[in-house]
Protein backbone atom coordinates (compact mmCIF):
# COMPACT_ATOMS: atom_id res chain seq x y z
CA MET A 1 4.37 -8.93 8.29
CA ALA A 2 1.82 -9.24 11.07
CA SER A 3 -1.73 -9.27 9.82
CA ILE A 4 -3.84 -6.21 10.61
CA THR A 5 -7.56 -5.67 10.41
CA GLN A 6 -9.63 -3.02 8.66
CA LYS A 7 -11.02 -0.10 10.63
CA THR A 8 -13.76 2.46 10.17
CA LEU A 9 -15.18 5.28 12.30
CA ALA A 10 -17.23 4.36 15.33
CA LYS A 11 -19.77 7.10 14.53
CA CYS A 12 -20.57 9.91 12.09
CA VAL A 13 -18.76 13.22 12.53
CA THR A 14 -19.23 16.57 10.78
CA ILE A 15 -17.09 19.64 10.10
CA LYS A 16 -18.05 22.92 8.40
CA GLY A 17 -15.85 25.65 6.98
CA ASN A 18 -14.50 27.49 3.97
CA ALA A 19 -12.63 25.73 1.16
CA LEU A 20 -9.13 26.84 0.16
CA HIS A 21 -9.47 27.20 -3.60
CA THR A 22 -13.18 27.79 -4.27
CA GLY A 23 -13.73 29.82 -1.11
CA GLN A 24 -17.15 28.14 -0.70
CA THR A 25 -18.55 27.08 2.65
CA THR A 26 -18.71 23.29 2.83
CA THR A 27 -20.34 20.92 5.29
CA LEU A 28 -18.50 17.61 5.34
CA THR A 29 -19.61 14.47 7.16
CA ILE A 30 -17.49 11.34 7.53
CA LYS A 31 -19.57 8.18 8.02
CA PRO A 32 -18.63 4.60 8.93
CA ALA A 33 -18.51 2.18 5.99
CA ASP A 34 -18.55 -1.59 5.52
CA PRO A 35 -15.32 -3.59 5.18
CA ASN A 36 -13.64 -3.37 1.75
CA THR A 37 -15.51 -0.15 0.90
CA GLY A 38 -12.34 1.93 0.92
CA LEU A 39 -12.53 5.72 1.02
CA MET A 40 -15.50 7.06 -0.95
CA PHE A 41 -16.63 10.64 -1.58
CA ARG A 42 -20.30 11.47 -2.02
CA ARG A 43 -21.59 14.76 -3.45
CA VAL A 44 -24.87 15.13 -1.57
CA ASP A 45 -25.55 18.47 -3.32
CA LEU A 46 -25.84 16.81 -6.74
CA PRO A 47 -28.80 14.90 -8.19
CA ASP A 48 -28.83 11.24 -7.07
CA LYS A 49 -26.02 12.05 -4.60
CA PRO A 50 -23.31 10.25 -6.64
CA PHE A 51 -20.30 8.46 -5.17
CA LEU A 52 -16.69 8.90 -6.26
CA ALA A 53 -13.98 6.48 -5.16
CA ALA A 54 -10.66 7.86 -3.91
CA SER A 55 -8.66 6.28 -6.73
CA ALA A 56 -5.68 7.25 -8.88
CA ALA A 57 -7.85 6.34 -11.86
CA HIS A 58 -10.00 9.40 -11.06
CA VAL A 59 -7.20 11.97 -10.82
CA GLN A 60 -8.19 14.88 -13.09
CA ALA A 61 -5.91 17.77 -12.13
CA VAL A 62 -2.97 18.34 -9.81
CA GLU A 63 -2.34 22.08 -9.79
CA ARG A 64 -1.76 23.12 -6.16
CA ALA A 65 -4.16 20.36 -5.08
CA THR A 66 -5.38 16.92 -6.08
CA THR A 67 -8.68 16.90 -7.96
CA LEU A 68 -10.70 13.72 -8.57
CA ALA A 69 -13.45 13.43 -11.15
CA ASP A 70 -15.70 10.91 -12.83
CA GLY A 71 -17.80 12.60 -15.46
CA SER A 72 -19.52 15.59 -13.86
CA VAL A 73 -18.77 14.42 -10.32
CA VAL A 74 -15.75 16.39 -9.08
CA VAL A 75 -14.01 16.84 -5.72
CA HIS A 76 -11.04 19.19 -5.21
CA THR A 77 -8.21 19.36 -2.66
CA VAL A 78 -8.77 15.90 -1.21
CA GLU A 79 -5.20 15.31 -0.01
CA HIS A 80 -5.43 16.66 3.56
CA LEU A 81 -8.54 14.65 4.42
CA LEU A 82 -7.27 11.45 2.77
CA SER A 83 -3.93 11.89 4.52
CA ALA A 84 -5.59 12.23 7.93
CA LEU A 85 -7.79 9.18 7.37
CA THR A 86 -4.81 7.12 6.21
CA GLY A 87 -2.42 8.39 8.86
CA MET A 88 -4.93 7.75 11.66
CA GLY A 89 -5.69 4.22 10.49
CA VAL A 90 -9.11 4.52 8.81
CA ASP A 91 -9.59 2.08 5.92
CA ASN A 92 -13.31 2.45 5.15
CA ALA A 93 -15.36 5.65 5.19
CA ILE A 94 -18.03 7.55 3.26
CA ILE A 95 -17.20 11.26 2.95
CA GLU A 96 -20.31 13.32 2.24
CA MET A 97 -19.86 16.90 0.98
CA ASP A 98 -22.38 19.54 -0.03
CA SER A 99 -19.91 21.25 -2.40
CA SER A 100 -16.84 20.26 -4.42
CA GLU A 101 -14.09 20.98 -1.89
CA PRO A 102 -13.52 20.06 1.78
CA PRO A 103 -13.04 22.78 4.42
CA ILE A 104 -9.42 23.89 4.65
CA GLY A 105 -9.46 24.53 8.40
CA ASP A 106 -6.09 25.89 9.46
CA GLY A 107 -4.36 24.59 6.31
CA SER A 108 -3.21 21.35 7.94
CA ALA A 109 -4.71 17.91 8.57
CA LYS A 110 -5.17 18.69 12.26
CA PRO A 111 -8.92 19.50 12.08
CA TYR A 112 -9.51 16.09 10.46
CA VAL A 113 -7.24 14.31 12.93
CA GLU A 114 -9.28 15.77 15.77
CA LEU A 115 -12.52 14.87 13.99
CA ILE A 116 -11.40 11.24 13.57
CA LYS A 117 -10.30 11.05 17.21
CA SER A 118 -13.67 12.40 18.35
CA ALA A 119 -15.42 9.64 16.40
CA GLY A 120 -13.16 6.84 17.54
CA LEU A 121 -12.28 3.78 15.46
CA GLU A 122 -14.15 0.50 15.11
CA ASP A 123 -12.18 -2.68 14.43
CA GLN A 124 -14.00 -4.53 11.64
CA LYS A 125 -12.13 -7.82 12.23
CA VAL A 126 -11.54 -8.29 8.50
CA PRO A 127 -7.96 -8.61 7.16
CA CYS A 128 -6.64 -5.34 5.77
CA PRO A 129 -5.08 -5.47 2.29
CA VAL A 130 -1.52 -4.28 2.87
CA TRP A 131 1.05 -4.46 0.09
CA GLN A 132 4.60 -4.99 1.29
CA ILE A 133 6.86 -3.56 -1.40
CA ARG A 134 9.40 -6.21 -2.48
CA GLU A 135 11.19 -4.39 -5.31
CA PRO A 136 12.00 -0.68 -5.74
CA VAL A 137 9.37 1.42 -7.51
CA GLN A 138 10.42 4.78 -8.96
CA VAL A 139 8.94 7.74 -10.82
CA GLU A 140 10.75 10.86 -12.00
CA ALA A 141 9.54 14.19 -13.39
CA LYS A 142 11.24 16.54 -15.83
CA ASN A 143 11.66 19.19 -13.12
CA GLY A 144 13.89 16.85 -11.10
CA SER A 145 11.23 15.60 -8.70
CA THR A 146 11.75 11.96 -7.79
CA ILE A 147 9.92 9.41 -5.66
CA VAL A 148 11.35 5.97 -4.90
CA ILE A 149 9.69 3.35 -2.72
CA MET A 150 12.15 0.84 -1.30
CA PRO A 151 11.35 -2.50 0.36
CA ALA A 152 10.74 -2.19 4.10
CA LYS A 153 8.67 -3.87 6.79
CA GLU A 154 7.20 -0.55 7.93
CA PHE A 155 5.66 2.52 6.32
CA ARG A 156 8.35 5.18 6.36
CA VAL A 157 8.41 8.55 4.63
CA SER A 158 11.51 10.64 3.92
CA VAL A 159 10.97 13.98 2.19
CA THR A 160 13.37 16.64 0.94
CA ALA A 161 11.43 19.80 0.09
CA VAL A 162 13.17 22.38 -2.11
CA GLY A 163 11.69 25.71 -3.19
CA PRO A 164 12.56 27.81 -6.28
CA GLN A 165 16.29 28.45 -6.71
CA GLY A 166 16.95 26.13 -3.78
CA ARG A 167 15.08 28.32 -1.32
CA VAL A 168 13.54 26.71 1.76
CA THR A 169 15.36 23.39 1.58
CA GLN A 170 14.02 21.21 4.40
CA TYR A 171 14.04 17.52 5.32
CA PHE A 172 11.65 15.23 7.19
CA ASP A 173 11.88 11.53 8.00
CA SER A 174 9.71 9.26 10.15
CA VAL A 175 8.06 5.87 10.41
CA ILE A 176 4.35 6.63 10.06
CA THR A 177 1.97 5.32 12.70
CA PRO A 178 -1.22 6.96 13.99
CA GLU A 179 0.78 8.28 16.93
CA SER A 180 3.65 9.69 14.88
CA TYR A 181 1.27 11.06 12.24
CA GLU A 182 -0.70 13.08 14.80
CA LYS A 183 2.43 14.33 16.55
CA GLU A 184 4.74 15.01 13.61
CA LEU A 185 2.58 15.66 10.53
CA GLY A 186 -1.01 16.45 11.44
CA ASP A 187 -0.49 20.14 12.25
CA ALA A 188 1.86 21.03 9.36
CA ARG A 189 0.22 23.76 7.25
CA THR A 190 0.15 24.38 3.53
CA PHE A 191 2.45 27.08 2.18
CA CYS A 192 3.11 29.18 -0.89
CA PHE A 193 5.63 31.73 -2.07
CA TYR A 194 4.61 35.39 -2.08
CA GLU A 195 5.37 35.84 -5.77
CA ASP A 196 2.96 33.01 -6.66
CA ILE A 197 -0.10 34.52 -4.96
CA LYS A 198 -1.27 36.82 -7.76
CA PRO A 199 -0.87 34.21 -10.54
CA LEU A 200 -2.84 31.73 -8.44
CA LEU A 201 -5.61 34.25 -7.79
CA ASP A 202 -5.70 35.08 -11.48
CA LYS A 203 -6.35 31.38 -12.18
CA GLY A 204 -9.25 31.36 -9.73
CA LEU A 205 -7.34 29.41 -7.09
CA ILE A 206 -6.74 30.08 -3.35
CA GLN A 207 -9.97 32.12 -3.14
CA GLY A 208 -10.30 31.06 0.50
CA GLY A 209 -6.64 31.44 1.40
CA THR A 210 -5.65 33.59 4.39
CA LEU A 211 -2.76 33.84 6.82
CA ASP A 212 -4.91 31.77 9.19
CA ASN A 213 -4.75 28.74 6.90
CA ALA A 214 -1.44 29.05 5.05
CA ILE A 215 2.20 30.02 5.41
CA VAL A 216 3.39 32.68 2.96
CA ILE A 217 7.13 32.73 2.24
CA LYS A 218 8.41 36.18 1.23
CA GLY A 219 12.13 36.29 0.66
CA ASP A 220 13.57 34.46 3.64
CA LYS A 221 10.63 35.27 5.96
CA PHE A 222 7.76 32.99 6.93
CA ILE A 223 4.52 34.92 7.36
CA CYS A 224 1.73 33.07 9.16
CA ALA A 225 -0.57 33.20 12.16
CA GLY A 226 1.24 32.25 15.36
CA GLY A 227 4.62 31.61 13.74
CA LEU A 228 6.00 28.30 12.52
CA ARG A 229 4.89 25.16 14.34
CA HIS A 230 8.04 23.27 13.29
CA GLY A 231 11.38 24.40 11.93
CA ASN A 232 10.79 22.12 8.93
CA GLU A 233 7.03 22.65 8.68
CA CYS A 234 7.14 22.88 4.88
CA ALA A 235 8.80 19.46 4.53
CA ARG A 236 6.33 18.00 7.02
CA HIS A 237 3.42 19.37 5.02
CA LYS A 238 4.86 17.85 1.85
CA ALA A 239 5.07 14.49 3.63
CA MET A 240 1.47 14.88 4.81
CA ASP A 241 0.31 15.64 1.25
CA LEU A 242 2.30 12.68 -0.06
CA ILE A 243 0.52 10.24 2.26
CA GLY A 244 -2.86 11.56 1.14
CA ASP A 245 -1.96 11.25 -2.53
CA LEU A 246 -0.37 7.78 -2.29
CA ILE A 247 -3.45 6.17 -0.74
CA LEU A 248 -5.13 6.77 -4.10
CA ASN A 249 -3.38 3.56 -5.20
CA GLY A 250 -6.13 1.74 -3.31
CA ARG A 251 -4.31 0.03 -0.46
CA ARG A 252 -1.89 0.60 2.37
CA ILE A 253 1.74 -0.17 1.63
CA LEU A 254 4.72 -1.21 3.68
CA GLY A 255 7.80 0.42 2.22
CA HIS A 256 10.22 3.32 2.58
CA VAL A 257 8.98 6.26 0.50
CA ILE A 258 11.86 8.57 -0.43
CA ALA A 259 10.68 11.78 -2.10
CA ILE A 260 12.76 14.65 -3.47
CA MET A 261 10.76 17.78 -4.31
CA PRO A 262 7.41 15.97 -4.19
CA GLY A 263 4.22 17.59 -5.44
CA HIS A 264 0.72 16.46 -6.32
CA GLY A 265 1.71 15.68 -9.90
CA ILE A 266 4.49 13.19 -9.14
CA ASN A 267 2.67 11.93 -6.03
CA THR A 268 -0.36 10.89 -8.05
CA GLN A 269 1.87 9.46 -10.80
CA MET A 270 3.36 7.16 -8.19
CA ALA A 271 -0.10 6.26 -6.90
CA ALA A 272 -1.17 5.38 -10.44
CA LYS A 273 1.97 3.30 -11.00
CA LEU A 274 1.40 1.41 -7.75
CA GLN A 275 -2.22 0.81 -8.71
CA LYS A 276 -1.31 -0.57 -12.14
CA THR A 277 1.56 -2.66 -10.76
CA TYR A 278 -0.68 -4.25 -8.15
CA GLU A 279 -3.40 -4.95 -10.70
CA SER A 280 -0.82 -6.63 -12.95
CA MET A 281 0.36 -8.77 -10.03
CA GLU A 282 -3.21 -9.77 -9.26
CA ALA A 283 -3.79 -10.71 -12.90
CA MET A 284 -0.76 -13.03 -12.78
CA ARG A 285 -1.86 -14.78 -9.62
CA PRO A 286 -3.11 -18.32 -10.26
CA LYS A 287 -6.87 -18.45 -10.59
CA THR A 288 -7.09 -22.00 -9.24
CA PHE A 289 -7.60 -20.74 -5.68
CA ALA A 290 -9.65 -17.90 -4.31
CA LEU A 291 -6.84 -15.96 -2.64
CA PRO A 292 -7.63 -13.37 0.03
CA ALA A 293 -6.73 -9.72 -0.54
CA GLY A 294 -3.40 -8.60 0.84
CA ASP A 295 0.27 -9.31 0.49
CA ALA A 296 0.74 -12.50 2.51
CA VAL A 297 -1.23 -14.89 4.69
CA MET A 298 2.03 -16.23 6.15
CA ASN A 299 5.17 -14.13 5.99
CA THR A 300 8.72 -15.47 6.03
CA ALA A 301 8.96 -15.53 9.82
CA GLU A 302 5.75 -17.54 10.05
CA VAL A 303 6.97 -19.97 7.37
CA LEU A 304 10.23 -20.41 9.30
CA ALA A 305 8.27 -21.18 12.46
CA MET A 306 6.48 -24.05 10.70
CA LEU A 307 9.19 -25.54 8.46
CA PRO A 308 12.60 -26.84 9.63
CA HIS A 309 14.33 -25.64 6.43
CA ARG A 310 16.77 -22.73 6.49
CA TYR A 311 18.81 -20.79 3.91
CA PRO A 312 19.79 -21.84 1.31
CA PHE A 313 17.29 -24.71 1.38
CA LEU A 314 14.17 -22.76 2.32
CA LEU A 315 12.42 -22.37 -1.04
CA VAL A 316 9.24 -20.59 0.10
CA ASP A 317 9.30 -16.85 0.91
CA ARG A 318 5.66 -16.58 1.96
CA ILE A 319 2.24 -18.15 1.67
CA LEU A 320 -0.26 -16.15 -0.38
CA GLY A 321 -3.42 -18.03 0.49
CA PHE A 322 -5.26 -21.16 1.56
CA GLU A 323 -8.50 -22.65 0.31
CA GLY A 324 -9.87 -24.66 3.19
CA ASP A 325 -7.39 -27.25 4.47
CA ARG A 326 -6.70 -28.79 1.05
CA LYS A 327 -5.18 -26.10 -1.16
CA CYS A 328 -2.32 -23.65 -0.69
CA VAL A 329 -0.36 -21.12 -2.77
CA GLY A 330 3.20 -20.08 -1.93
CA GLN A 331 5.71 -17.74 -3.54
CA LYS A 332 9.46 -17.69 -4.08
CA ASN A 333 11.19 -14.54 -5.38
CA LEU A 334 14.26 -15.59 -7.36
CA THR A 335 17.23 -13.22 -7.46
CA MET A 336 20.66 -13.66 -9.00
CA ASN A 337 21.99 -14.10 -5.45
CA GLU A 338 20.50 -17.62 -5.14
CA LEU A 339 23.39 -20.04 -4.61
CA PHE A 340 22.16 -22.49 -7.25
CA PHE A 341 22.33 -19.81 -9.97
CA GLN A 342 26.05 -19.40 -9.25
CA GLY A 343 26.85 -22.96 -10.33
CA HIS A 344 23.90 -24.17 -12.38
CA PHE A 345 24.83 -22.95 -15.85
CA PRO A 346 26.58 -19.69 -14.79
CA GLY A 347 26.49 -18.43 -18.36
CA HIS A 348 22.77 -19.15 -18.59
CA PRO A 349 21.50 -19.54 -15.01
CA VAL A 350 18.33 -21.56 -14.45
CA MET A 351 16.73 -22.99 -11.32
CA PRO A 352 17.35 -26.75 -11.02
CA GLY A 353 14.17 -28.69 -11.67
CA VAL A 354 14.61 -30.79 -8.52
CA LEU A 355 14.51 -27.59 -6.46
CA GLN A 356 11.15 -26.67 -8.01
CA VAL A 357 9.91 -30.08 -6.85
CA GLU A 358 11.37 -29.35 -3.41
CA ALA A 359 9.55 -25.99 -3.35
CA MET A 360 6.27 -27.80 -4.06
CA ALA A 361 7.09 -30.29 -1.30
CA GLN A 362 7.66 -27.50 1.21
CA VAL A 363 4.36 -25.80 0.38
CA ALA A 364 2.58 -29.16 0.60
CA SER A 365 4.25 -29.73 3.99
CA ILE A 366 2.75 -26.49 5.26
CA LEU A 367 -0.68 -27.78 4.20
CA MET A 368 -0.16 -31.02 6.10
CA LEU A 369 1.34 -29.38 9.18
CA ARG A 370 -1.69 -27.06 9.51
CA ILE A 371 -3.90 -30.08 10.25
CA PRO A 372 -4.47 -29.92 14.04
CA GLU A 373 -3.12 -33.41 14.81
CA ASN A 374 0.04 -32.66 12.80
CA GLN A 375 0.96 -29.34 14.39
CA GLY A 376 4.47 -29.32 15.83
CA LYS A 377 5.53 -32.33 13.73
CA ILE A 378 7.82 -32.55 10.71
CA GLY A 379 7.08 -33.67 7.15
CA TYR A 380 9.41 -35.97 5.20
CA PHE A 381 9.38 -36.15 1.40
CA MET A 382 8.92 -39.84 0.38
CA SER A 383 8.51 -39.88 -3.39
CA CYS A 384 7.44 -37.97 -6.47
CA ASP A 385 5.67 -39.18 -9.59
CA LYS A 386 4.44 -37.82 -12.93
CA VAL A 387 7.07 -35.05 -12.84
CA LYS A 388 7.19 -32.75 -15.85
CA TRP A 389 9.36 -29.69 -16.44
CA ARG A 390 7.93 -27.37 -19.06
CA ARG A 391 10.06 -24.19 -19.15
CA PRO A 392 13.17 -22.79 -17.42
CA VAL A 393 13.00 -20.59 -14.33
CA GLU A 394 15.50 -17.73 -14.41
CA PRO A 395 16.83 -14.97 -12.11
CA GLY A 396 14.19 -12.29 -11.57
CA ASP A 397 11.26 -14.70 -11.91
CA VAL A 398 8.55 -14.88 -9.26
CA LEU A 399 7.75 -18.55 -8.75
CA ILE A 400 4.15 -19.25 -7.71
CA ILE A 401 3.83 -22.67 -6.07
CA GLU A 402 0.38 -24.31 -5.93
CA THR A 403 -0.36 -27.53 -4.05
CA GLU A 404 -3.49 -29.53 -3.35
CA LEU A 405 -3.70 -32.30 -0.76
CA THR A 406 -5.52 -35.17 -2.50
CA LYS A 407 -5.15 -37.95 0.07
CA MET A 408 -4.31 -38.19 3.77
CA ARG A 409 -4.29 -41.52 5.57
CA GLY A 410 -2.76 -41.49 9.00
CA ALA A 411 0.75 -40.12 8.71
CA ILE A 412 0.94 -40.47 4.91
CA GLY A 413 -0.24 -37.75 2.53
CA VAL A 414 -0.37 -37.33 -1.24
CA ALA A 415 -0.49 -33.93 -2.97
CA THR A 416 -0.40 -32.58 -6.49
CA GLY A 417 1.67 -29.51 -7.19
CA ARG A 418 2.65 -27.12 -9.91
CA CYS A 419 4.94 -24.13 -10.27
CA THR A 420 4.14 -21.19 -12.52
CA VAL A 421 5.87 -17.99 -13.68
CA ASN A 422 3.69 -15.26 -15.17
CA GLY A 423 0.84 -17.76 -15.40
CA GLU A 424 2.88 -20.32 -17.40
CA ILE A 425 3.49 -23.76 -15.88
CA THR A 426 7.18 -24.48 -15.27
CA CYS A 427 6.87 -27.76 -13.39
CA GLU A 428 4.21 -30.16 -12.09
CA ALA A 429 4.31 -33.37 -10.06
CA GLU A 430 2.55 -35.72 -7.67
CA LEU A 431 4.18 -35.84 -4.23
CA LYS A 432 4.03 -38.25 -1.28
CA PHE A 433 4.91 -37.39 2.35
CA MET A 434 5.13 -38.81 5.81
CA VAL A 435 4.52 -36.80 8.98
CA GLN A 436 6.43 -37.71 12.14
CA ASP A 437 7.22 -36.21 15.52
CA ARG A 438 10.26 -33.97 15.56
């Protein structure tokens, strides 16, 4: 995964209009924000002008819109704005509002897309925390709605939208980039079924809804201003909503999002699950080193470019972080497909201890080969000492490999290393290397 940098708006921009559910007139201003701020709402109409982070932890209600709240600070119908910011590549922004709900515009994200384009983006030259999904993540609802996120090296969204009794079944699929978001999703409008209008009004919702900002489906007819913008506009709008809800997990993801009958309820459930999963992963990371935010400092391709090892002897999937030029943390995801599990106790497969030592040696080699005078060379494993194996490593484990370069004299280096699984040490050793020309 190529590293990307955080972005914010180049200047402040403002939009004013009526809100969909409250019907109130709202003035909304999006302001640039410092790196690592994330997306923050601010209710400037309330005492002390409180902030509210766009987080799954703040989801309060999901009926026909996503509502965030922290105590008395509430914002409604945030999904279109958050979707536009995410889709157009904005990582950090302060969103000031003088009421509880953003303007609905024409019922799509297009007004916000145009607002963001008018402001322009500023590259903040700080690495952007992007989580590349490595294992499937799934949530299901009792009504049959399902969202699965599969591993992928791009952000892709596939949506099947299905109305009551199978009405209005539509499909949308695309890799999401700022260009594809603007072209394929930005102008897709919200919709509702005719028979739902009165119940929604009775609940105090859609007070600002009109045929200028929504599609009404009556029978098999689509009633809206100007006709449909896309043959599958409903599925596109569902995909747009989904992107806005998923960013509530707190970070961009790389993965293939497959959603069947998505809605704000299951969307925000997935965001919450992603948030909790990521926090659990962070808690398991070794605390020895101060690791940067994000999924990988060096991905597999970059590891392959530095090390001569290849499958099945490459025992490092990626490098999670460096601390100066002396410490490094790598990771190896162990699946049942590893060749050594097939023959090393097939009835009770465990990773051979010598391969854990080899994994430490490979991570230590990366440390040594990053030294300017060693770049382009090759590291040879000379000896190991003080080796201890403390617990077995099994299929499904995520092996965290820590190394620290303790001595470097000419072409000879000494490093200490340890492997951990879920924070428990599995192996530790002292390693010696020699660096030579290839």
